[in-house]
C-alpha cells in the first residue's frame, strides 16, 4: 500500500442524486422506488430487521442466558505483570498501576491473579486477591492490603428508617 493512494477516488462533497428528473438520468419516473407497495409511498420507513413478513432472524435463533447489569466490572492484573513493571519495595496500588499502564479501562474492582512468578518484595493494595497470588506475594516477602469494595445499593432505605423510628 502506498500512502499517496490511500485517499484516491474519495470525493468529499458529492452532489446528491436528482431523483425523478427524466429517463436520461436512470433515476426517472419511479425514482428508484419501484412500482406500488409500501416502499413507493411518501413517508415509508422500514424497520432494519423487517424481512417482508418472514420470521425475522433475531426471532428465529435460540436465546440463552442473560447479562447481569448489576455485575461488577473486574480489572485483572497478574503477579507476573507486577514482577515486570515494579521494583522491590514499591507499593502496587490503583494509581501506580495506572501510571505503568496496567489499568486502562473503567472498572469497579481490582483483582490480583497468580499467573507468573514474583521475586520482589512489594506491598500490594487491591480489592481482591486469588489464593495463588496471595501465596506468591507472601512467599516473596511482600504484604497484602485489601481495599474496601463498592458499597452495595440499599433498597427501600427510607422505609427501613421510618419503620425503626
C-alpha atoms as a PDB file:
ATOM      1  CA  UNK A   1       0.000   0.000   0.000  1.00  0.00           C
ATOM      2  CA  UNK A   2       1.154   3.497  -0.862  1.00  0.00           C
ATOM      3  CA  UNK A   3       0.226   6.461   1.359  1.00  0.00           C
ATOM      4  CA  UNK A   4      -0.397   8.617  -1.694  1.00  0.00           C
ATOM      5  CA  UNK A   5      -3.112   6.227  -2.914  1.00  0.00           C
ATOM      6  CA  UNK A   6      -5.000   5.842   0.385  1.00  0.00           C
ATOM      7  CA  UNK A   7      -7.495   8.627  -0.269  1.00  0.00           C
ATOM      8  CA  UNK A   8      -7.535   8.257  -4.038  1.00  0.00           C
ATOM      9  CA  UNK A   9     -11.026   8.212  -5.545  1.00  0.00           C
ATOM     10  CA  UNK A  10     -12.703   9.553  -2.391  1.00  0.00           C
ATOM     11  CA  UNK A  11     -14.895  12.537  -3.156  1.00  0.00           C
ATOM     12  CA  UNK A  12     -15.686  14.590  -0.054  1.00  0.00           C
ATOM     13  CA  UNK A  13     -18.579  16.694  -1.321  1.00  0.00           C
ATOM     14  CA  UNK A  14     -20.647  14.501  -3.628  1.00  0.00           C
ATOM     15  CA  UNK A  15     -23.634  16.147  -5.265  1.00  0.00           C
ATOM     16  CA  UNK A  16     -26.913  14.434  -4.254  1.00  0.00           C
ATOM     17  CA  UNK A  17     -28.701  12.262  -6.823  1.00  0.00           C
ATOM     18  CA  UNK A  18     -31.509  14.204  -8.501  1.00  0.00           C
ATOM     19  CA  UNK A  19     -34.280  11.622  -8.464  1.00  0.00           C
ATOM     20  CA  UNK A  20     -37.321  11.704 -10.716  1.00  0.00           C
ATOM     21  CA  UNK A  21     -35.809  14.112 -13.253  1.00  0.00           C
ATOM     22  CA  UNK A  22     -36.429  12.208 -16.501  1.00  0.00           C
ATOM     23  CA  UNK A  23     -35.481   8.946 -18.257  1.00  0.00           C
ATOM     24  CA  UNK A  24     -31.997  10.032 -19.212  1.00  0.00           C
ATOM     25  CA  UNK A  25     -30.784  10.067 -15.619  1.00  0.00           C
ATOM     26  CA  UNK A  26     -31.582   6.398 -14.962  1.00  0.00           C
ATOM     27  CA  UNK A  27     -33.488   7.544 -11.851  1.00  0.00           C
ATOM     28  CA  UNK A  28     -36.570   8.971 -13.557  1.00  0.00           C
ATOM     29  CA  UNK A  29     -40.288   8.140 -13.246  1.00  0.00           C
ATOM     30  CA  UNK A  30     -40.389   5.971 -10.070  1.00  0.00           C
ATOM     31  CA  UNK A  31     -37.080   7.442  -8.832  1.00  0.00           C
ATOM     32  CA  UNK A  32     -35.641   4.061  -7.824  1.00  0.00           C
ATOM     33  CA  UNK A  33     -38.615   3.227  -5.573  1.00  0.00           C
ATOM     34  CA  UNK A  34     -40.257   0.701  -7.921  1.00  0.00           C
ATOM     35  CA  UNK A  35     -43.987   0.448  -8.679  1.00  0.00           C
ATOM     36  CA  UNK A  36     -46.639   0.281  -5.962  1.00  0.00           C
ATOM     37  CA  UNK A  37     -46.185  -1.047  -2.448  1.00  0.00           C
ATOM     38  CA  UNK A  38     -45.222   0.445   0.882  1.00  0.00           C
ATOM     39  CA  UNK A  39     -41.711   1.447  -0.216  1.00  0.00           C
ATOM     40  CA  UNK A  40     -43.032   3.548  -3.092  1.00  0.00           C
ATOM     41  CA  UNK A  41     -45.182   5.732  -0.834  1.00  0.00           C
ATOM     42  CA  UNK A  42     -44.086   9.002   0.742  1.00  0.00           C
ATOM     43  CA  UNK A  43     -43.091   8.689   4.375  1.00  0.00           C
ATOM     44  CA  UNK A  44     -42.247   4.992   4.174  1.00  0.00           C
ATOM     45  CA  UNK A  45     -39.508   3.807   6.505  1.00  0.00           C
ATOM     46  CA  UNK A  46     -38.781   0.153   7.125  1.00  0.00           C
ATOM     47  CA  UNK A  47     -37.510  -1.418  10.346  1.00  0.00           C
ATOM     48  CA  UNK A  48     -33.990  -2.741   9.638  1.00  0.00           C
ATOM     49  CA  UNK A  49     -34.919  -6.197  10.913  1.00  0.00           C
ATOM     50  CA  UNK A  50     -38.093  -6.406   8.806  1.00  0.00           C
ATOM     51  CA  UNK A  51     -37.887  -9.278   6.328  1.00  0.00           C
ATOM     52  CA  UNK A  52     -41.113  -8.826   4.392  1.00  0.00           C
ATOM     53  CA  UNK A  53     -43.289 -10.755   6.834  1.00  0.00           C
ATOM     54  CA  UNK A  54     -40.883 -13.695   7.090  1.00  0.00           C
ATOM     55  CA  UNK A  55     -39.938 -14.594  10.675  1.00  0.00           C
ATOM     56  CA  UNK A  56     -37.001 -12.261  11.410  1.00  0.00           C
ATOM     57  CA  UNK A  57     -33.555 -13.735  12.067  1.00  0.00           C
ATOM     58  CA  UNK A  58     -33.454 -12.431  15.623  1.00  0.00           C
ATOM     59  CA  UNK A  59     -36.657 -14.315  16.456  1.00  0.00           C
ATOM     60  CA  UNK A  60     -35.576 -17.489  14.620  1.00  0.00           C
ATOM     61  CA  UNK A  61     -32.382 -18.091  16.572  1.00  0.00           C
ATOM     62  CA  UNK A  62     -32.466 -19.603  20.079  1.00  0.00           C
ATOM     63  CA  UNK A  63     -31.616 -17.415  23.048  1.00  0.00           C
ATOM     64  CA  UNK A  64     -29.781 -18.478  26.195  1.00  0.00           C
ATOM     65  CA  UNK A  65     -28.794 -16.812  29.434  1.00  0.00           C
ATOM     66  CA  UNK A  66     -28.859 -13.162  30.342  1.00  0.00           C
ATOM     67  CA  UNK A  67     -26.486 -10.258  31.024  1.00  0.00           C
ATOM     68  CA  UNK A  68     -26.336  -9.198  34.643  1.00  0.00           C
ATOM     69  CA  UNK A  69     -26.385  -5.404  34.544  1.00  0.00           C
ATOM     70  CA  UNK A  70     -25.559  -5.206  38.269  1.00  0.00           C
ATOM     71  CA  UNK A  71     -22.370  -7.302  37.962  1.00  0.00           C
ATOM     72  CA  UNK A  72     -19.158  -5.547  38.951  1.00  0.00           C
ATOM     73  CA  UNK A  73     -16.547  -4.877  36.259  1.00  0.00           C
ATOM     74  CA  UNK A  74     -13.370  -6.587  37.479  1.00  0.00           C
ATOM     75  CA  UNK A  75      -9.910  -5.468  36.304  1.00  0.00           C
ATOM     76  CA  UNK A  76      -7.311  -8.252  36.471  1.00  0.00           C
ATOM     77  CA  UNK A  77      -3.563  -7.843  36.977  1.00  0.00           C
ATOM     78  CA  UNK A  78      -1.244 -10.843  37.140  1.00  0.00           C
ATOM     79  CA  UNK A  79       1.644 -11.294  39.572  1.00  0.00           C
ATOM     80  CA  UNK A  80       3.960 -11.656  36.542  1.00  0.00           C
ATOM     81  CA  UNK A  81       2.999  -8.149  35.358  1.00  0.00           C
ATOM     82  CA  UNK A  82       3.840  -6.752  38.805  1.00  0.00           C
ATOM     83  CA  UNK A  83       7.229  -8.506  38.644  1.00  0.00           C
ATOM     84  CA  UNK A  84       7.973  -6.945  35.243  1.00  0.00           C
ATOM     85  CA  UNK A  85       6.831  -3.379  35.991  1.00  0.00           C
ATOM     86  CA  UNK A  86       7.683  -2.742  39.650  1.00  0.00           C
ATOM     87  CA  UNK A  87      10.886  -2.584  41.682  1.00  0.00           C
ATOM     88  CA  UNK A  88      11.413  -4.152  45.129  1.00  0.00           C
ATOM     89  CA  UNK A  89       9.972  -2.095  47.984  1.00  0.00           C
ATOM     90  CA  UNK A  90       7.423  -0.276  45.808  1.00  0.00           C
ATOM     91  CA  UNK A  91       3.716  -0.077  46.607  1.00  0.00           C
ATOM     92  CA  UNK A  92       1.388  -1.527  43.992  1.00  0.00           C
ATOM     93  CA  UNK A  93      -1.954   0.277  44.047  1.00  0.00           C
ATOM     94  CA  UNK A  94      -4.550   1.662  41.654  1.00  0.00           C
ATOM     95  CA  UNK A  95      -2.620   4.888  40.964  1.00  0.00           C
ATOM     96  CA  UNK A  96       0.735   3.197  40.323  1.00  0.00           C
ATOM     97  CA  UNK A  97      -0.883   0.575  38.078  1.00  0.00           C
ATOM     98  CA  UNK A  98      -2.486   3.358  36.013  1.00  0.00           C
ATOM     99  CA  UNK A  99       0.826   5.204  35.638  1.00  0.00           C
ATOM    100  CA  UNK A 100       2.500   1.953  34.482  1.00  0.00           C
ATOM    101  CA  UNK A 101      -0.443   1.479  32.046  1.00  0.00           C
ATOM    102  CA  UNK A 102      -1.524  -1.878  33.503  1.00  0.00           C
ATOM    103  CA  UNK A 103      -5.032  -0.473  34.111  1.00  0.00           C
ATOM    104  CA  UNK A 104      -6.521   1.191  31.064  1.00  0.00           C
ATOM    105  CA  UNK A 105     -10.298   0.756  31.163  1.00  0.00           C
ATOM    106  CA  UNK A 106     -13.168   1.554  33.508  1.00  0.00           C
ATOM    107  CA  UNK A 107     -13.646  -0.962  36.316  1.00  0.00           C
ATOM    108  CA  UNK A 108     -15.281  -1.337  39.732  1.00  0.00           C
ATOM    109  CA  UNK A 109     -12.960  -3.824  41.447  1.00  0.00           C
ATOM    110  CA  UNK A 110      -9.230  -4.596  41.071  1.00  0.00           C
ATOM    111  CA  UNK A 111      -8.223  -8.255  41.400  1.00  0.00           C
ATOM    112  CA  UNK A 112      -4.676  -9.618  41.540  1.00  0.00           C
ATOM    113  CA  UNK A 113      -4.257 -13.039  39.886  1.00  0.00           C
ATOM    114  CA  UNK A 114      -1.455 -15.567  40.369  1.00  0.00           C
ATOM    115  CA  UNK A 115      -0.126 -16.080  36.829  1.00  0.00           C
ATOM    116  CA  UNK A 116       3.659 -15.669  36.652  1.00  0.00           C
ATOM    117  CA  UNK A 117       6.380 -15.555  39.293  1.00  0.00           C
ATOM    118  CA  UNK A 118       7.164 -12.886  41.891  1.00  0.00           C
ATOM    119  CA  UNK A 119      10.615 -12.498  43.446  1.00  0.00           C
ATOM    120  CA  UNK A 120      10.440  -8.849  44.580  1.00  0.00           C
ATOM    121  CA  UNK A 121       9.161  -7.707  47.970  1.00  0.00           C
ATOM    122  CA  UNK A 122       6.238  -5.391  47.205  1.00  0.00           C
ATOM    123  CA  UNK A 123       3.181  -4.112  49.052  1.00  0.00           C
ATOM    124  CA  UNK A 124       0.053  -4.784  47.010  1.00  0.00           C
ATOM    125  CA  UNK A 125      -3.227  -2.922  47.557  1.00  0.00           C
ATOM    126  CA  UNK A 126      -6.278  -4.317  45.761  1.00  0.00           C
ATOM    127  CA  UNK A 127      -9.937  -5.192  46.313  1.00  0.00           C
ATOM    128  CA  UNK A 128      -9.493  -8.933  45.728  1.00  0.00           C
ATOM    129  CA  UNK A 129      -6.691 -11.499  45.537  1.00  0.00           C
ATOM    130  CA  UNK A 130      -6.689 -15.049  44.203  1.00  0.00           C
ATOM    131  CA  UNK A 131      -5.302 -17.679  46.589  1.00  0.00           C
ATOM    132  CA  UNK A 132      -2.219 -18.315  44.417  1.00  0.00           C
ATOM    133  CA  UNK A 133      -1.500 -14.578  44.086  1.00  0.00           C
ATOM    134  CA  UNK A 134      -1.750 -14.175  47.862  1.00  0.00           C
ATOM    135  CA  UNK A 135       0.631 -17.105  48.417  1.00  0.00           C
ATOM    136  CA  UNK A 136       3.180 -15.821  45.869  1.00  0.00           C
ATOM    137  CA  UNK A 137       3.205 -12.274  47.271  1.00  0.00           C
ATOM    138  CA  UNK A 138       3.676 -13.532  50.841  1.00  0.00           C
ATOM    139  CA  UNK A 139       6.344 -16.060  49.740  1.00  0.00           C
ATOM    140  CA  UNK A 140       8.336 -13.191  48.177  1.00  0.00           C
ATOM    141  CA  UNK A 141       8.147 -11.325  51.489  1.00  0.00           C
ATOM    142  CA  UNK A 142       5.570  -8.815  50.321  1.00  0.00           C
ATOM    143  CA  UNK A 143       2.470  -7.509  52.073  1.00  0.00           C
ATOM    144  CA  UNK A 144      -1.206  -7.554  51.108  1.00  0.00           C
ATOM    145  CA  UNK A 145      -3.711  -4.793  51.814  1.00  0.00           C
ATOM    146  CA  UNK A 146      -7.349  -5.367  50.915  1.00  0.00           C
ATOM    147  CA  UNK A 147      -9.180  -2.230  49.787  1.00  0.00           C
ATOM    148  CA  UNK A 148     -12.880  -1.737  50.592  1.00  0.00           C
ATOM    149  CA  UNK A 149     -15.140  -2.603  47.651  1.00  0.00           C
ATOM    150  CA  UNK A 150     -18.087  -0.687  46.249  1.00  0.00           C
ATOM    151  CA  UNK A 151     -20.819  -0.105  48.812  1.00  0.00           C
ATOM    152  CA  UNK A 152     -23.900  -2.210  47.976  1.00  0.00           C
ATOM    153  CA  UNK A 153     -27.065  -0.360  46.985  1.00  0.00           C
ATOM    154  CA  UNK A 154     -29.573  -0.462  49.834  1.00  0.00           C
ATOM    155  CA  UNK A 155     -33.119  -0.606  48.505  1.00  0.00           C
ATOM    156  CA  UNK A 156     -36.022   0.877  50.430  1.00  0.00           C
ATOM    157  CA  UNK A 157     -33.663   2.706  52.803  1.00  0.00           C
ATOM    158  CA  UNK A 158     -36.173   5.426  53.699  1.00  0.00           C
ATOM    159  CA  UNK A 159     -38.888   2.880  54.520  1.00  0.00           C
ATOM    160  CA  UNK A 160     -36.489   0.929  56.786  1.00  0.00           C
ATOM    161  CA  UNK A 161     -35.536   4.096  58.679  1.00  0.00           C
ATOM    162  CA  UNK A 162     -39.185   5.092  59.071  1.00  0.00           C
ATOM    163  CA  UNK A 163     -40.077   1.618  60.398  1.00  0.00           C
ATOM    164  CA  UNK A 164     -37.311   1.788  63.041  1.00  0.00           C
ATOM    165  CA  UNK A 165     -38.389   5.244  64.295  1.00  0.00           C
END
